[in-house]
Every structure is written in structure tokens, then in C-alpha cells.
C-alpha atoms as a PDB file:
ATOM      1  CA  UNK A   1       0.000   0.000   0.000  1.00  0.00           C
ATOM      2  CA  UNK A   2       1.739   3.216  -1.118  1.00  0.00           C
ATOM      3  CA  UNK A   3       2.181   5.964   1.443  1.00  0.00           C
ATOM      4  CA  UNK A   4       1.537   9.386  -0.071  1.00  0.00           C
ATOM      5  CA  UNK A   5       2.524  12.773   1.332  1.00  0.00           C
ATOM      6  CA  UNK A   6       0.365  15.367   3.015  1.00  0.00           C
ATOM      7  CA  UNK A   7       1.668  18.673   4.346  1.00  0.00           C
ATOM      8  CA  UNK A   8      -0.403  19.225   7.474  1.00  0.00           C
ATOM      9  CA  UNK A   9      -2.408  17.193  10.006  1.00  0.00           C
ATOM     10  CA  UNK A  10      -6.199  17.324  10.051  1.00  0.00           C
ATOM     11  CA  UNK A  11      -9.255  16.117  11.944  1.00  0.00           C
ATOM     12  CA  UNK A  12     -11.917  14.019  10.222  1.00  0.00           C
ATOM     13  CA  UNK A  13     -14.306  11.391  11.660  1.00  0.00           C
ATOM     14  CA  UNK A  14     -13.836   9.244   8.537  1.00  0.00           C
ATOM     15  CA  UNK A  15     -10.111   8.840   9.154  1.00  0.00           C
ATOM     16  CA  UNK A  16      -7.845   7.150  11.684  1.00  0.00           C
ATOM     17  CA  UNK A  17      -4.378   8.316  12.654  1.00  0.00           C
ATOM     18  CA  UNK A  18      -1.370   6.230  13.659  1.00  0.00           C
ATOM     19  CA  UNK A  19       2.183   6.961  14.712  1.00  0.00           C
ATOM     20  CA  UNK A  20       4.678   6.779  11.865  1.00  0.00           C
ATOM     21  CA  UNK A  21       7.302   4.349  13.118  1.00  0.00           C
ATOM     22  CA  UNK A  22      10.883   4.965  12.033  1.00  0.00           C
ATOM     23  CA  UNK A  23      12.186   1.704  10.630  1.00  0.00           C
ATOM     24  CA  UNK A  24      11.976  -0.575   7.601  1.00  0.00           C
ATOM     25  CA  UNK A  25       8.588  -1.129   5.977  1.00  0.00           C
ATOM     26  CA  UNK A  26       8.006  -4.859   5.493  1.00  0.00           C
ATOM     27  CA  UNK A  27       5.474  -7.579   4.865  1.00  0.00           C
ATOM     28  CA  UNK A  28       5.481 -10.563   7.200  1.00  0.00           C
ATOM     29  CA  UNK A  29       4.396 -13.724   5.390  1.00  0.00           C
ATOM     30  CA  UNK A  30       3.499 -16.567   7.789  1.00  0.00           C
ATOM     31  CA  UNK A  31       2.781 -20.035   6.414  1.00  0.00           C
ATOM     32  CA  UNK A  32       3.465 -23.667   7.329  1.00  0.00           C
ATOM     33  CA  UNK A  33       5.042 -22.723  10.638  1.00  0.00           C
ATOM     34  CA  UNK A  34       7.536 -20.338   9.066  1.00  0.00           C
ATOM     35  CA  UNK A  35       7.692 -16.569   8.627  1.00  0.00           C
ATOM     36  CA  UNK A  36       9.516 -14.418   6.123  1.00  0.00           C
ATOM     37  CA  UNK A  37      10.046 -10.645   6.133  1.00  0.00           C
ATOM     38  CA  UNK A  38       9.929  -8.996   2.717  1.00  0.00           C
ATOM     39  CA  UNK A  39      10.935  -5.468   1.717  1.00  0.00           C
ATOM     40  CA  UNK A  40       8.709  -3.208  -0.357  1.00  0.00           C
ATOM     41  CA  UNK A  41      10.674  -4.382  -3.389  1.00  0.00           C
ATOM     42  CA  UNK A  42       9.886  -8.000  -2.589  1.00  0.00           C
ATOM     43  CA  UNK A  43      13.370  -8.881  -1.346  1.00  0.00           C
ATOM     44  CA  UNK A  44      13.813 -11.002   1.789  1.00  0.00           C
ATOM     45  CA  UNK A  45      15.215  -9.208   4.819  1.00  0.00           C
ATOM     46  CA  UNK A  46      17.778 -11.943   5.415  1.00  0.00           C
ATOM     47  CA  UNK A  47      19.468 -10.026   8.230  1.00  0.00           C
ATOM     48  CA  UNK A  48      16.257 -10.170  10.248  1.00  0.00           C
ATOM     49  CA  UNK A  49      15.969 -13.955  10.152  1.00  0.00           C
ATOM     50  CA  UNK A  50      15.957 -14.144  13.963  1.00  0.00           C
ATOM     51  CA  UNK A  51      12.980 -11.769  14.094  1.00  0.00           C
ATOM     52  CA  UNK A  52      11.158 -13.832  11.450  1.00  0.00           C
ATOM     53  CA  UNK A  53      11.793 -17.013  13.435  1.00  0.00           C
ATOM     54  CA  UNK A  54      10.475 -15.406  16.598  1.00  0.00           C
ATOM     55  CA  UNK A  55       7.327 -14.295  14.751  1.00  0.00           C
ATOM     56  CA  UNK A  56       6.701 -17.809  13.422  1.00  0.00           C
ATOM     57  CA  UNK A  57       7.221 -19.255  16.899  1.00  0.00           C
ATOM     58  CA  UNK A  58       4.620 -16.822  18.242  1.00  0.00           C
ATOM     59  CA  UNK A  59       1.988 -17.806  15.646  1.00  0.00           C
ATOM     60  CA  UNK A  60       2.924 -21.391  14.696  1.00  0.00           C
ATOM     61  CA  UNK A  61      -0.464 -22.329  13.205  1.00  0.00           C
ATOM     62  CA  UNK A  62      -1.280 -19.050  11.467  1.00  0.00           C
ATOM     63  CA  UNK A  63      -1.365 -18.414   7.738  1.00  0.00           C
ATOM     64  CA  UNK A  64      -1.272 -14.678   7.169  1.00  0.00           C
ATOM     65  CA  UNK A  65       0.283 -11.698   5.405  1.00  0.00           C
ATOM     66  CA  UNK A  66       0.814  -8.692   7.666  1.00  0.00           C
ATOM     67  CA  UNK A  67       1.943  -5.195   6.702  1.00  0.00           C
ATOM     68  CA  UNK A  68       4.067  -3.300   9.192  1.00  0.00           C
ATOM     69  CA  UNK A  69       7.380  -1.761  10.195  1.00  0.00           C
ATOM     70  CA  UNK A  70      10.556  -3.346  11.575  1.00  0.00           C
ATOM     71  CA  UNK A  71      11.798  -1.147  14.415  1.00  0.00           C
ATOM     72  CA  UNK A  72      14.350  -1.035  17.200  1.00  0.00           C
ATOM     73  CA  UNK A  73      13.045   0.569  20.397  1.00  0.00           C
ATOM     74  CA  UNK A  74      15.051   2.202  23.151  1.00  0.00           C
ATOM     75  CA  UNK A  75      14.298   1.870  26.854  1.00  0.00           C
ATOM     76  CA  UNK A  76      11.612   4.544  26.578  1.00  0.00           C
ATOM     77  CA  UNK A  77       9.862   2.698  23.766  1.00  0.00           C
ATOM     78  CA  UNK A  78      10.899   5.103  21.018  1.00  0.00           C
ATOM     79  CA  UNK A  79      12.226   3.928  17.646  1.00  0.00           C
ATOM     80  CA  UNK A  80      15.956   4.401  17.151  1.00  0.00           C
ATOM     81  CA  UNK A  81      16.775   4.093  13.472  1.00  0.00           C
ATOM     82  CA  UNK A  82      20.562   3.967  13.795  1.00  0.00           C
ATOM     83  CA  UNK A  83      20.279   1.112  16.282  1.00  0.00           C
ATOM     84  CA  UNK A  84      18.196  -0.785  13.744  1.00  0.00           C
ATOM     85  CA  UNK A  85      20.513   0.057  10.869  1.00  0.00           C
ATOM     86  CA  UNK A  86      23.668  -1.046  12.656  1.00  0.00           C
ATOM     87  CA  UNK A  87      22.110  -3.917  14.617  1.00  0.00           C
ATOM     88  CA  UNK A  88      22.720  -2.613  18.115  1.00  0.00           C
ATOM     89  CA  UNK A  89      20.564  -1.991  21.168  1.00  0.00           C
ATOM     90  CA  UNK A  90      17.381  -3.961  21.795  1.00  0.00           C
ATOM     91  CA  UNK A  91      16.361  -6.782  19.422  1.00  0.00           C
ATOM     92  CA  UNK A  92      14.089  -5.537  16.618  1.00  0.00           C
ATOM     93  CA  UNK A  93      10.313  -5.857  16.761  1.00  0.00           C
ATOM     94  CA  UNK A  94       7.556  -5.653  14.164  1.00  0.00           C
ATOM     95  CA  UNK A  95       4.760  -3.081  14.439  1.00  0.00           C
ATOM     96  CA  UNK A  96       1.796  -4.624  12.613  1.00  0.00           C
ATOM     97  CA  UNK A  97      -0.685  -2.138  11.169  1.00  0.00           C
ATOM     98  CA  UNK A  98      -2.619  -4.048   8.516  1.00  0.00           C
ATOM     99  CA  UNK A  99      -3.685  -7.584   7.636  1.00  0.00           C
ATOM    100  CA  UNK A 100      -3.921  -8.600   3.962  1.00  0.00           C
ATOM    101  CA  UNK A 101      -4.795 -12.279   4.305  1.00  0.00           C
ATOM    102  CA  UNK A 102      -5.541 -14.534   7.240  1.00  0.00           C
ATOM    103  CA  UNK A 103      -6.227 -18.278   7.415  1.00  0.00           C
ATOM    104  CA  UNK A 104      -7.307 -18.495   3.787  1.00  0.00           C
ATOM    105  CA  UNK A 105      -9.324 -15.253   3.710  1.00  0.00           C
ATOM    106  CA  UNK A 106      -8.302 -12.399   1.398  1.00  0.00           C
ATOM    107  CA  UNK A 107      -9.077  -9.229   3.351  1.00  0.00           C
ATOM    108  CA  UNK A 108      -7.709  -6.630   0.958  1.00  0.00           C
ATOM    109  CA  UNK A 109     -11.127  -5.468  -0.255  1.00  0.00           C
ATOM    110  CA  UNK A 110     -12.507  -5.137   3.280  1.00  0.00           C
ATOM    111  CA  UNK A 111     -12.633  -1.810   5.103  1.00  0.00           C
ATOM    112  CA  UNK A 112      -9.462  -0.806   6.908  1.00  0.00           C
ATOM    113  CA  UNK A 113     -11.154  -0.750  10.310  1.00  0.00           C
ATOM    114  CA  UNK A 114     -12.389  -4.307   9.739  1.00  0.00           C
ATOM    115  CA  UNK A 115      -8.910  -5.463   8.732  1.00  0.00           C
ATOM    116  CA  UNK A 116      -7.526  -3.840  11.872  1.00  0.00           C
ATOM    117  CA  UNK A 117     -10.073  -5.724  13.969  1.00  0.00           C
ATOM    118  CA  UNK A 118      -9.042  -9.034  12.388  1.00  0.00           C
ATOM    119  CA  UNK A 119      -5.395  -8.132  12.944  1.00  0.00           C
ATOM    120  CA  UNK A 120      -6.055  -7.557  16.643  1.00  0.00           C
ATOM    121  CA  UNK A 121      -7.754 -10.965  16.867  1.00  0.00           C
ATOM    122  CA  UNK A 122      -4.813 -12.642  15.153  1.00  0.00           C
ATOM    123  CA  UNK A 123      -2.222 -11.054  17.424  1.00  0.00           C
ATOM    124  CA  UNK A 124      -4.257 -12.002  20.491  1.00  0.00           C
ATOM    125  CA  UNK A 125      -3.214 -15.595  19.695  1.00  0.00           C
ATOM    126  CA  UNK A 126       0.443 -14.702  20.238  1.00  0.00           C
ATOM    127  CA  UNK A 127       2.184 -14.591  23.639  1.00  0.00           C
ATOM    128  CA  UNK A 128       2.498 -11.202  25.307  1.00  0.00           C
ATOM    129  CA  UNK A 129       6.283 -11.091  24.934  1.00  0.00           C
ATOM    130  CA  UNK A 130       6.338 -11.806  21.195  1.00  0.00           C
ATOM    131  CA  UNK A 131       7.955  -9.224  18.857  1.00  0.00           C
ATOM    132  CA  UNK A 132       4.668  -8.562  17.040  1.00  0.00           C
ATOM    133  CA  UNK A 133       3.145  -5.291  18.237  1.00  0.00           C
ATOM    134  CA  UNK A 134      -0.351  -4.158  17.278  1.00  0.00           C
ATOM    135  CA  UNK A 135      -0.356  -0.576  15.987  1.00  0.00           C
ATOM    136  CA  UNK A 136      -2.988   1.389  17.857  1.00  0.00           C
ATOM    137  CA  UNK A 137      -4.739   4.353  16.281  1.00  0.00           C
ATOM    138  CA  UNK A 138      -6.577   7.563  17.144  1.00  0.00           C
ATOM    139  CA  UNK A 139     -10.059   7.988  15.693  1.00  0.00           C
ATOM    140  CA  UNK A 140     -10.649  11.255  13.864  1.00  0.00           C
ATOM    141  CA  UNK A 141      -8.175  13.496  15.717  1.00  0.00           C
ATOM    142  CA  UNK A 142      -4.998  13.928  13.718  1.00  0.00           C
ATOM    143  CA  UNK A 143      -4.079  17.430  14.866  1.00  0.00           C
ATOM    144  CA  UNK A 144      -3.764  16.583  18.568  1.00  0.00           C
ATOM    145  CA  UNK A 145      -1.799  13.401  17.800  1.00  0.00           C
ATOM    146  CA  UNK A 146       0.576  15.306  15.546  1.00  0.00           C
ATOM    147  CA  UNK A 147       1.210  17.902  18.228  1.00  0.00           C
ATOM    148  CA  UNK A 148       2.022  15.126  20.688  1.00  0.00           C
ATOM    149  CA  UNK A 149       4.391  13.597  18.132  1.00  0.00           C
ATOM    150  CA  UNK A 150       6.219  16.909  17.811  1.00  0.00           C
ATOM    151  CA  UNK A 151       6.469  17.229  21.588  1.00  0.00           C
ATOM    152  CA  UNK A 152       8.004  13.751  21.831  1.00  0.00           C
ATOM    153  CA  UNK A 153      10.349  14.218  18.845  1.00  0.00           C
ATOM    154  CA  UNK A 154       8.856  11.348  16.803  1.00  0.00           C
ATOM    155  CA  UNK A 155       8.873  10.994  13.025  1.00  0.00           C
ATOM    156  CA  UNK A 156       5.277  11.855  12.237  1.00  0.00           C
ATOM    157  CA  UNK A 157       1.812  10.376  11.804  1.00  0.00           C
ATOM    158  CA  UNK A 158      -0.040   8.428   9.125  1.00  0.00           C
ATOM    159  CA  UNK A 159      -3.629   9.251   8.132  1.00  0.00           C
ATOM    160  CA  UNK A 160      -5.720   6.365   6.780  1.00  0.00           C
ATOM    161  CA  UNK A 161      -9.293   6.368   5.530  1.00  0.00           C
ATOM    162  CA  UNK A 162     -11.440   4.048   7.624  1.00  0.00           C
ATOM    163  CA  UNK A 163     -13.187   2.440   4.663  1.00  0.00           C
ATOM    164  CA  UNK A 164     -10.229   2.220   2.312  1.00  0.00           C
ATOM    165  CA  UNK A 165      -9.324  -1.155   0.764  1.00  0.00           C
ATOM    166  CA  UNK A 166      -5.723  -2.353   0.587  1.00  0.00           C
ATOM    167  CA  UNK A 167      -4.388  -1.374  -2.853  1.00  0.00           C
ATOM    168  CA  UNK A 168      -1.004  -1.216  -4.572  1.00  0.00           C
ATOM    169  CA  UNK A 169      -1.719   1.606  -7.047  1.00  0.00           C
ATOM    170  CA  UNK A 170      -0.482   5.019  -5.888  1.00  0.00           C
ATOM    171  CA  UNK A 171      -3.431   6.813  -7.480  1.00  0.00           C
ATOM    172  CA  UNK A 172      -5.879   4.779  -5.362  1.00  0.00           C
ATOM    173  CA  UNK A 173      -4.030   4.914  -2.055  1.00  0.00           C
ATOM    174  CA  UNK A 174      -5.836   6.346   0.971  1.00  0.00           C
ATOM    175  CA  UNK A 175      -2.785   6.434   3.255  1.00  0.00           C
ATOM    176  CA  UNK A 176      -0.936   9.716   3.849  1.00  0.00           C
ATOM    177  CA  UNK A 177       2.218  10.411   5.838  1.00  0.00           C
ATOM    178  CA  UNK A 178       2.511  13.719   7.657  1.00  0.00           C
ATOM    179  CA  UNK A 179       6.096  14.283   8.718  1.00  0.00           C
ATOM    180  CA  UNK A 180       7.400  16.119  11.741  1.00  0.00           C
ATOM    181  CA  UNK A 181       9.841  18.444   9.986  1.00  0.00           C
ATOM    182  CA  UNK A 182      11.745  18.966  13.227  1.00  0.00           C
ATOM    183  CA  UNK A 183      12.369  15.251  13.837  1.00  0.00           C
ATOM    184  CA  UNK A 184      15.938  15.103  15.106  1.00  0.00           C
ATOM    185  CA  UNK A 185      16.792  11.623  13.798  1.00  0.00           C
ATOM    186  CA  UNK A 186      16.155  12.683  10.211  1.00  0.00           C
ATOM    187  CA  UNK A 187      19.087  15.111  10.250  1.00  0.00           C
ATOM    188  CA  UNK A 188      21.898  13.670   8.139  1.00  0.00           C
ATOM    189  CA  UNK A 189      19.876  10.559   7.216  1.00  0.00           C
ATOM    190  CA  UNK A 190      20.610  10.569   3.495  1.00  0.00           C
ATOM    191  CA  UNK A 191      24.283  11.326   4.100  1.00  0.00           C
ATOM    192  CA  UNK A 192      24.406   8.396   6.532  1.00  0.00           C
ATOM    193  CA  UNK A 193      23.078   6.005   3.895  1.00  0.00           C
ATOM    194  CA  UNK A 194      25.468   7.263   1.272  1.00  0.00           C
ATOM    195  CA  UNK A 195      28.494   7.109   3.581  1.00  0.00           C
ATOM    196  CA  UNK A 196      27.856   3.757   5.224  1.00  0.00           C
ATOM    197  CA  UNK A 197      26.176   1.553   2.660  1.00  0.00           C
ATOM    198  CA  UNK A 198      29.432   0.282   1.166  1.00  0.00           C
ATOM    199  CA  UNK A 199      31.289   0.007   4.488  1.00  0.00           C
ATOM    200  CA  UNK A 200      29.391  -2.549   6.551  1.00  0.00           C
ATOM    201  CA  UNK A 201      26.612  -5.067   6.350  1.00  0.00           C
ATOM    202  CA  UNK A 202      23.284  -3.356   6.919  1.00  0.00           C
ATOM    203  CA  UNK A 203      19.949  -5.110   7.517  1.00  0.00           C
ATOM    204  CA  UNK A 204      17.796  -5.033   4.407  1.00  0.00           C
ATOM    205  CA  UNK A 205      20.610  -4.075   2.045  1.00  0.00           C
ATOM    206  CA  UNK A 206      19.825  -5.551  -1.360  1.00  0.00           C
ATOM    207  CA  UNK A 207      20.370  -4.823  -5.020  1.00  0.00           C
ATOM    208  CA  UNK A 208      17.640  -2.226  -4.605  1.00  0.00           C
ATOM    209  CA  UNK A 209      18.705   1.272  -3.550  1.00  0.00           C
ATOM    210  CA  UNK A 210      17.649   1.407   0.089  1.00  0.00           C
ATOM    211  CA  UNK A 211      18.494   5.066   0.493  1.00  0.00           C
ATOM    212  CA  UNK A 212      15.974   5.991  -2.200  1.00  0.00           C
ATOM    213  CA  UNK A 213      13.448   3.484  -0.854  1.00  0.00           C
ATOM    214  CA  UNK A 214      13.674   4.933   2.645  1.00  0.00           C
ATOM    215  CA  UNK A 215      13.313   8.518   1.434  1.00  0.00           C
ATOM    216  CA  UNK A 216       9.949   7.533  -0.062  1.00  0.00           C
ATOM    217  CA  UNK A 217       8.696   5.621   3.001  1.00  0.00           C
END
């Protein structure tokens, strides 16, 4: 599901608003007791094999495709992108925010709020200490959430239409990112990618250009 840009937050009862987690966008594919994490370009995140194994252990009988974000959280529960990039700090987790398929059902044409409800049911089957985290949302009130995000120095918020289906065409997307322009971790981000990508092994590094992919996420 493409994430489009929007300049300013807004309030609307037909929309929900989530935190924008600073990490790697990924699909988790769970089937036959195994899980695989795939990038937006369809490449396996081989460096996150331990996270994938932990996810499959948490939902051993599930068959599902989950959309979400791979993150590394600090002790205060805030994403730390450099920790994720250089594999340091706490083990990574997966913030799940949408469910495409589950136990043989294709949910992509269902309303977003219904998919979120099914996602919550699925994750309720997992143990409390599993790395899968359900992404909560605020109903209708994007402005107040965005202000809180700025106060806490987080990346931004994502606005999603409640009734929107899950699509892959940009022109039909109903998801919009609203960035916190003062987010401190974004300073020097592109330079970091350019400087480090040839120097050490980085999770998610593939033939695709991750620096460009991240700038669009």
C-alpha cells in the first residue's frame, strides 16, 4: 500500500491516525510454521531472520500476510533508526498495522477498520512477549496526535481512511504520511546512507537502492 505525502495534520471522523514508526517497511508472510520478512521491493530481509523465526514461533499455526514496520526501540519505547541500521541496542520488533490475508481469507477489499479488527484478533493468539506489536490508532483526531508527536520528537503520523481497501496503485491509495519536519533523527539521514552503505553489512541491504526506498517511506 503506497504511502503518499500530506503537508499538514487534520481532523476528520472518517479517518484514523497512527504513529509513523521509524524503521523498515516490510510484509510478514506466515505459512506452514515459518515466517519471512519482505521489503517493499519484494526482497527477503535476510538479516532479520531471527525476528522472522520469533514471529513464526509466536503464531505457529497461522497463515497470514501482515503489513508493518521493523523497528528497534530504546528503553523509553521510542524507535531508534541507527540502532536498527547497525544492529545494536534492543532486538528488533515488528509493528503490525494491517492484515492482507488470514487463514485463507483475502481481506484486501474489506474496510481498513475491519482489517484492523481481524489483525487484533490474530495477534491475540500470540504470547504477550512476542515481537509482534499491534499498531494502535486515534479515531478522527490527527491534529492533537501530531502535536504530541512533535512534543516527543517522533517521526510523524499516518492518516488512513477508515473504509479504504488495501491497494497497490499510488493513485488509489488512501494512506498519507505527515512528517514532523523537526524530527531530530532525520538530520543527516541521506548522508548516513550514502556514507555507510558500502562500508558494513546493513539489515535489508539488497540490489535495490535502500536510500531511495527509505526517502519515499
